[in-house]
Structures are given as C-alpha cells and as structure tokens.
Amino acid sequence: MVHQVPGDYTDVSVNTSVAQTNLSAAKTALEQANLKLADQALADVQEGVSIDEVEASMTLARARENLILARSAAERGKSDELRAALNAACSALDAYSAESGSYSQQAKSLANEIRNTENKLQNGQSGMVPKINGWWNTTSAWTAYKPARQLSAQR
C-alpha cells in the first residue's frame, strides 16, 4: 500500500525590481553600443534569480491544482467545470488524508467543507472565488512549497 506520493517541484524566483532596473540598464548600454556594460547588467539580472527544488506531496499538489481550476471556473461562471474541479480537489484531499501525514485530519475536514459547499451550489452562485482562495491558502501551509504570495480573498 502506498502511504505517501512525494514529488519534486522547482521554484524559480525573480526579484522583479532588480531585473527591471538591470534590463533597463542593459538596454541603455546596448543603445550606446557599450557591450561590456550591457553584459554586466544582464549578469546582474541573473544574480537576482533563485532556483530551489522542494519536495511536496503529489496528492496535495493535485488538490491545490484543482482548486485553481475551480477558481477559474467560478470566475467564468462555469458551474459544471466548477463542480468537477471541486470534486477532483476533494478526491485528492481524501487521498492526502489517507497518507496519514501531519495535516491528514485537516485535509479530511477541508474535503468535507468543500463537499458541503459544493452540494449547496446553484447555477450562477457568486461568492465562490473568495472561498476557493481561502481553501487554497489553507493548503499552502501544509506543504514545504511556499508560494510567493497568498491568493487574495478579494479576487
């Protein structure tokens, strides 16, 4: 019996303000035909990039991916897609719960909460995006992978 399905993610982060400043400097240097200065500015952009590998549960990743799909469907008013994505997220949370990890009880509770909400859905019901964002943000605490930002409940 498989108890846990880990996988590796590659997290690439870019300091956008450093990148923008140095790309502008490189552009200016190129316009002035100063290849050495342009090369240095581009090298500085690369210094602002970090790449890390992070291990995470694949079942949890699948739940989170389906929550993103659910949010997209809710934003577009696609009730059938929303239900399908929420059902898939619940199935993944159930599988994650069965892995008996640190957050298995919370995953089970969250799956039940999502199911209860999904059962009450009516066509065109609004207000789902903040709920989905909240569920996604909750699951972000359960993984070693930490997103650069939380999803906004306002979106």
C-alpha atoms as a PDB file:
ATOM      1  CA  MET A   1       0.000   0.000   0.000  1.00  0.00           C
ATOM      2  CA  VAL A   2       1.318   3.424  -0.938  1.00  0.00           C
ATOM      3  CA  HIS A   3       1.241   5.804   2.018  1.00  0.00           C
ATOM      4  CA  GLN A   4       2.804   8.882   0.513  1.00  0.00           C
ATOM      5  CA  VAL A   5       3.498  10.108  -3.001  1.00  0.00           C
ATOM      6  CA  PRO A   6       6.223  12.746  -2.855  1.00  0.00           C
ATOM      7  CA  GLY A   7       7.387  14.737  -5.821  1.00  0.00           C
ATOM      8  CA  ASP A   8       9.854  17.495  -6.519  1.00  0.00           C
ATOM      9  CA  TYR A   9       8.945  20.991  -7.606  1.00  0.00           C
ATOM     10  CA  THR A  10      11.302  23.560  -8.975  1.00  0.00           C
ATOM     11  CA  ASP A  11      10.652  27.017  -7.591  1.00  0.00           C
ATOM     12  CA  VAL A  12      12.080  29.867  -9.661  1.00  0.00           C
ATOM     13  CA  SER A  13      12.012  33.309  -8.055  1.00  0.00           C
ATOM     14  CA  VAL A  14      12.993  36.567  -9.700  1.00  0.00           C
ATOM     15  CA  ASN A  15      13.496  39.865  -7.939  1.00  0.00           C
ATOM     16  CA  THR A  16      11.468  41.892 -10.427  1.00  0.00           C
ATOM     17  CA  SER A  17      12.642  45.326  -9.329  1.00  0.00           C
ATOM     18  CA  VAL A  18      16.295  44.287  -9.686  1.00  0.00           C
ATOM     19  CA  ALA A  19      15.526  42.652 -13.029  1.00  0.00           C
ATOM     20  CA  GLN A  20      13.690  45.727 -14.336  1.00  0.00           C
ATOM     21  CA  THR A  21      16.476  48.093 -13.277  1.00  0.00           C
ATOM     22  CA  ASN A  22      19.202  45.950 -14.810  1.00  0.00           C
ATOM     23  CA  LEU A  23      17.274  45.216 -18.003  1.00  0.00           C
ATOM     24  CA  SER A  24      16.786  48.951 -18.485  1.00  0.00           C
ATOM     25  CA  ALA A  25      20.495  49.488 -17.875  1.00  0.00           C
ATOM     26  CA  ALA A  26      21.332  46.749 -20.387  1.00  0.00           C
ATOM     27  CA  LYS A  27      19.022  48.306 -22.986  1.00  0.00           C
ATOM     28  CA  THR A  28      20.613  51.732 -22.497  1.00  0.00           C
ATOM     29  CA  ALA A  29      24.100  50.234 -22.728  1.00  0.00           C
ATOM     30  CA  LEU A  30      23.182  48.419 -25.944  1.00  0.00           C
ATOM     31  CA  GLU A  31      21.751  51.609 -27.429  1.00  0.00           C
ATOM     32  CA  GLN A  32      25.119  53.233 -26.659  1.00  0.00           C
ATOM     33  CA  ALA A  33      26.959  50.224 -28.123  1.00  0.00           C
ATOM     34  CA  ASN A  34      28.586  49.519 -24.747  1.00  0.00           C
ATOM     35  CA  LEU A  35      28.534  45.707 -24.887  1.00  0.00           C
ATOM     36  CA  LYS A  36      30.663  45.244 -21.762  1.00  0.00           C
ATOM     37  CA  LEU A  37      28.268  47.310 -19.618  1.00  0.00           C
ATOM     38  CA  ALA A  38      25.220  45.589 -21.177  1.00  0.00           C
ATOM     39  CA  ASP A  39      26.742  42.182 -20.442  1.00  0.00           C
ATOM     40  CA  GLN A  40      27.364  43.180 -16.816  1.00  0.00           C
ATOM     41  CA  ALA A  41      23.779  44.434 -16.403  1.00  0.00           C
ATOM     42  CA  LEU A  42      22.408  41.168 -17.805  1.00  0.00           C
ATOM     43  CA  ALA A  43      24.675  39.184 -15.478  1.00  0.00           C
ATOM     44  CA  ASP A  44      23.220  41.185 -12.583  1.00  0.00           C
ATOM     45  CA  VAL A  45      19.714  40.132 -13.670  1.00  0.00           C
ATOM     46  CA  GLN A  46      20.814  36.505 -13.399  1.00  0.00           C
ATOM     47  CA  GLU A  47      22.098  37.130  -9.876  1.00  0.00           C
ATOM     48  CA  GLY A  48      18.543  38.078  -8.857  1.00  0.00           C
ATOM     49  CA  VAL A  49      17.171  34.686  -9.909  1.00  0.00           C
ATOM     50  CA  SER A  50      16.995  31.839  -7.414  1.00  0.00           C
ATOM     51  CA  ILE A  51      16.106  28.254  -8.234  1.00  0.00           C
ATOM     52  CA  ASP A  52      15.186  25.791  -5.499  1.00  0.00           C
ATOM     53  CA  GLU A  53      13.899  22.232  -5.522  1.00  0.00           C
ATOM     54  CA  VAL A  54      11.207  21.423  -2.997  1.00  0.00           C
ATOM     55  CA  GLU A  55       9.664  18.064  -2.165  1.00  0.00           C
ATOM     56  CA  ALA A  56       5.892  18.031  -1.816  1.00  0.00           C
ATOM     57  CA  SER A  57       3.045  15.540  -1.685  1.00  0.00           C
ATOM     58  CA  MET A  58       1.730  14.922  -5.191  1.00  0.00           C
ATOM     59  CA  THR A  59      -1.802  14.324  -3.888  1.00  0.00           C
ATOM     60  CA  LEU A  60      -1.754  17.675  -2.116  1.00  0.00           C
ATOM     61  CA  ALA A  61      -0.365  19.314  -5.247  1.00  0.00           C
ATOM     62  CA  ARG A  62      -3.205  17.758  -7.245  1.00  0.00           C
ATOM     63  CA  ALA A  63      -5.763  19.132  -4.743  1.00  0.00           C
ATOM     64  CA  ARG A  64      -4.247  22.598  -4.993  1.00  0.00           C
ATOM     65  CA  GLU A  65      -4.177  22.476  -8.801  1.00  0.00           C
ATOM     66  CA  ASN A  66      -7.853  21.539  -8.856  1.00  0.00           C
ATOM     67  CA  LEU A  67      -8.677  24.412  -6.516  1.00  0.00           C
ATOM     68  CA  ILE A  68      -7.033  26.758  -9.023  1.00  0.00           C
ATOM     69  CA  LEU A  69      -9.139  25.195 -11.800  1.00  0.00           C
ATOM     70  CA  ALA A  70     -12.237  25.616  -9.626  1.00  0.00           C
ATOM     71  CA  ARG A  71     -11.441  29.277  -9.066  1.00  0.00           C
ATOM     72  CA  SER A  72     -11.053  29.838 -12.796  1.00  0.00           C
ATOM     73  CA  ALA A  73     -14.375  28.096 -13.479  1.00  0.00           C
ATOM     74  CA  ALA A  74     -16.093  30.171 -10.771  1.00  0.00           C
ATOM     75  CA  GLU A  75     -14.710  33.385 -12.259  1.00  0.00           C
ATOM     76  CA  ARG A  76     -16.063  32.390 -15.669  1.00  0.00           C
ATOM     77  CA  GLY A  77     -19.439  31.228 -14.292  1.00  0.00           C
ATOM     78  CA  LYS A  78     -18.922  27.641 -15.483  1.00  0.00           C
ATOM     79  CA  SER A  79     -20.916  25.648 -12.905  1.00  0.00           C
ATOM     80  CA  ASP A  80     -20.217  22.192 -14.379  1.00  0.00           C
ATOM     81  CA  GLU A  81     -16.458  22.837 -14.532  1.00  0.00           C
ATOM     82  CA  LEU A  82     -16.567  24.267 -11.014  1.00  0.00           C
ATOM     83  CA  ARG A  83     -18.278  21.150  -9.639  1.00  0.00           C
ATOM     84  CA  ALA A  84     -15.867  18.831 -11.456  1.00  0.00           C
ATOM     85  CA  ALA A  85     -12.815  20.690 -10.182  1.00  0.00           C
ATOM     86  CA  LEU A  86     -14.142  20.787  -6.613  1.00  0.00           C
ATOM     87  CA  ASN A  87     -14.909  17.059  -6.753  1.00  0.00           C
ATOM     88  CA  ALA A  88     -11.385  16.372  -8.018  1.00  0.00           C
ATOM     89  CA  ALA A  89      -9.929  18.551  -5.249  1.00  0.00           C
ATOM     90  CA  CYS A  90     -11.940  16.603  -2.661  1.00  0.00           C
ATOM     91  CA  SER A  91     -10.742  13.271  -4.068  1.00  0.00           C
ATOM     92  CA  ALA A  92      -7.150  14.462  -3.881  1.00  0.00           C
ATOM     93  CA  LEU A  93      -7.658  15.739  -0.329  1.00  0.00           C
ATOM     94  CA  ASP A  94      -9.121  12.353   0.614  1.00  0.00           C
ATOM     95  CA  ALA A  95      -6.037  10.650  -0.835  1.00  0.00           C
ATOM     96  CA  TYR A  96      -3.778  13.097   1.006  1.00  0.00           C
ATOM     97  CA  SER A  97      -5.675  12.413   4.227  1.00  0.00           C
ATOM     98  CA  ALA A  98      -5.107   8.680   3.731  1.00  0.00           C
ATOM     99  CA  GLU A  99      -1.347   9.296   3.605  1.00  0.00           C
ATOM    100  CA  SER A 100      -1.539   9.912   7.387  1.00  0.00           C
ATOM    101  CA  GLY A 101       0.676  12.960   7.233  1.00  0.00           C
ATOM    102  CA  SER A 102       0.813  15.919   9.580  1.00  0.00           C
ATOM    103  CA  TYR A 103      -2.327  17.500   8.152  1.00  0.00           C
ATOM    104  CA  SER A 104      -4.446  14.426   7.385  1.00  0.00           C
ATOM    105  CA  GLN A 105      -7.262  15.399   9.779  1.00  0.00           C
ATOM    106  CA  GLN A 106      -7.341  18.961   8.449  1.00  0.00           C
ATOM    107  CA  ALA A 107      -7.434  17.617   4.883  1.00  0.00           C
ATOM    108  CA  LYS A 108     -10.372  15.383   5.738  1.00  0.00           C
ATOM    109  CA  SER A 109     -12.229  18.317   7.326  1.00  0.00           C
ATOM    110  CA  LEU A 110     -11.457  20.585   4.383  1.00  0.00           C
ATOM    111  CA  ALA A 111     -12.707  17.976   1.894  1.00  0.00           C
ATOM    112  CA  ASN A 112     -15.959  17.742   3.871  1.00  0.00           C
ATOM    113  CA  GLU A 113     -16.279  21.539   3.950  1.00  0.00           C
ATOM    114  CA  ILE A 114     -15.748  21.740   0.188  1.00  0.00           C
ATOM    115  CA  ARG A 115     -18.288  18.952  -0.410  1.00  0.00           C
ATOM    116  CA  ASN A 116     -20.869  20.697   1.778  1.00  0.00           C
ATOM    117  CA  THR A 117     -20.343  23.952  -0.106  1.00  0.00           C
ATOM    118  CA  GLU A 118     -20.381  22.213  -3.481  1.00  0.00           C
ATOM    119  CA  ASN A 119     -23.678  20.469  -2.613  1.00  0.00           C
ATOM    120  CA  LYS A 120     -25.270  23.875  -1.940  1.00  0.00           C
ATOM    121  CA  LEU A 121     -24.099  25.395  -5.227  1.00  0.00           C
ATOM    122  CA  GLN A 122     -26.702  26.713  -7.591  1.00  0.00           C
ATOM    123  CA  ASN A 123     -26.104  27.806 -11.142  1.00  0.00           C
ATOM    124  CA  GLY A 124     -24.562  31.253 -11.197  1.00  0.00           C
ATOM    125  CA  GLN A 125     -23.989  31.403  -7.450  1.00  0.00           C
ATOM    126  CA  SER A 126     -21.479  34.127  -6.668  1.00  0.00           C
ATOM    127  CA  GLY A 127     -19.067  34.343  -3.783  1.00  0.00           C
ATOM    128  CA  MET A 128     -17.181  31.135  -4.576  1.00  0.00           C
ATOM    129  CA  VAL A 129     -13.880  32.761  -5.530  1.00  0.00           C
ATOM    130  CA  PRO A 130     -13.080  34.042  -2.009  1.00  0.00           C
ATOM    131  CA  LYS A 131     -13.999  30.634  -0.536  1.00  0.00           C
ATOM    132  CA  ILE A 132     -11.792  28.807  -3.019  1.00  0.00           C
ATOM    133  CA  ASN A 133      -8.935  31.243  -2.374  1.00  0.00           C
ATOM    134  CA  GLY A 134      -9.307  30.562   1.348  1.00  0.00           C
ATOM    135  CA  TRP A 135      -9.144  26.808   0.798  1.00  0.00           C
ATOM    136  CA  TRP A 136      -6.079  27.168  -1.413  1.00  0.00           C
ATOM    137  CA  ASN A 137      -4.381  29.402   1.156  1.00  0.00           C
ATOM    138  CA  THR A 138      -5.179  26.874   3.894  1.00  0.00           C
ATOM    139  CA  THR A 139      -3.494  24.087   1.937  1.00  0.00           C
ATOM    140  CA  SER A 140      -0.414  26.237   1.306  1.00  0.00           C
ATOM    141  CA  ALA A 141       0.521  25.836   4.973  1.00  0.00           C
ATOM    142  CA  TRP A 142       0.597  22.052   4.572  1.00  0.00           C
ATOM    143  CA  THR A 143       3.467  21.859   2.107  1.00  0.00           C
ATOM    144  CA  ALA A 144       7.148  22.674   2.114  1.00  0.00           C
ATOM    145  CA  TYR A 145       6.479  24.651  -1.062  1.00  0.00           C
ATOM    146  CA  LYS A 146       5.598  28.180  -0.015  1.00  0.00           C
ATOM    147  CA  PRO A 147       4.078  30.391  -2.716  1.00  0.00           C
ATOM    148  CA  ALA A 148       5.415  33.883  -3.092  1.00  0.00           C
ATOM    149  CA  ARG A 149       2.005  35.247  -2.140  1.00  0.00           C
ATOM    150  CA  GLN A 150      -1.335  34.110  -0.852  1.00  0.00           C
ATOM    151  CA  LEU A 151      -4.372  34.326  -3.106  1.00  0.00           C
ATOM    152  CA  SER A 152      -6.405  37.393  -2.357  1.00  0.00           C
ATOM    153  CA  ALA A 153      -9.873  36.836  -0.994  1.00  0.00           C
ATOM    154  CA  GLN A 154     -10.894  39.959  -2.923  1.00  0.00           C
ATOM    155  CA  ARG A 155     -10.136  38.444  -6.307  1.00  0.00           C
END
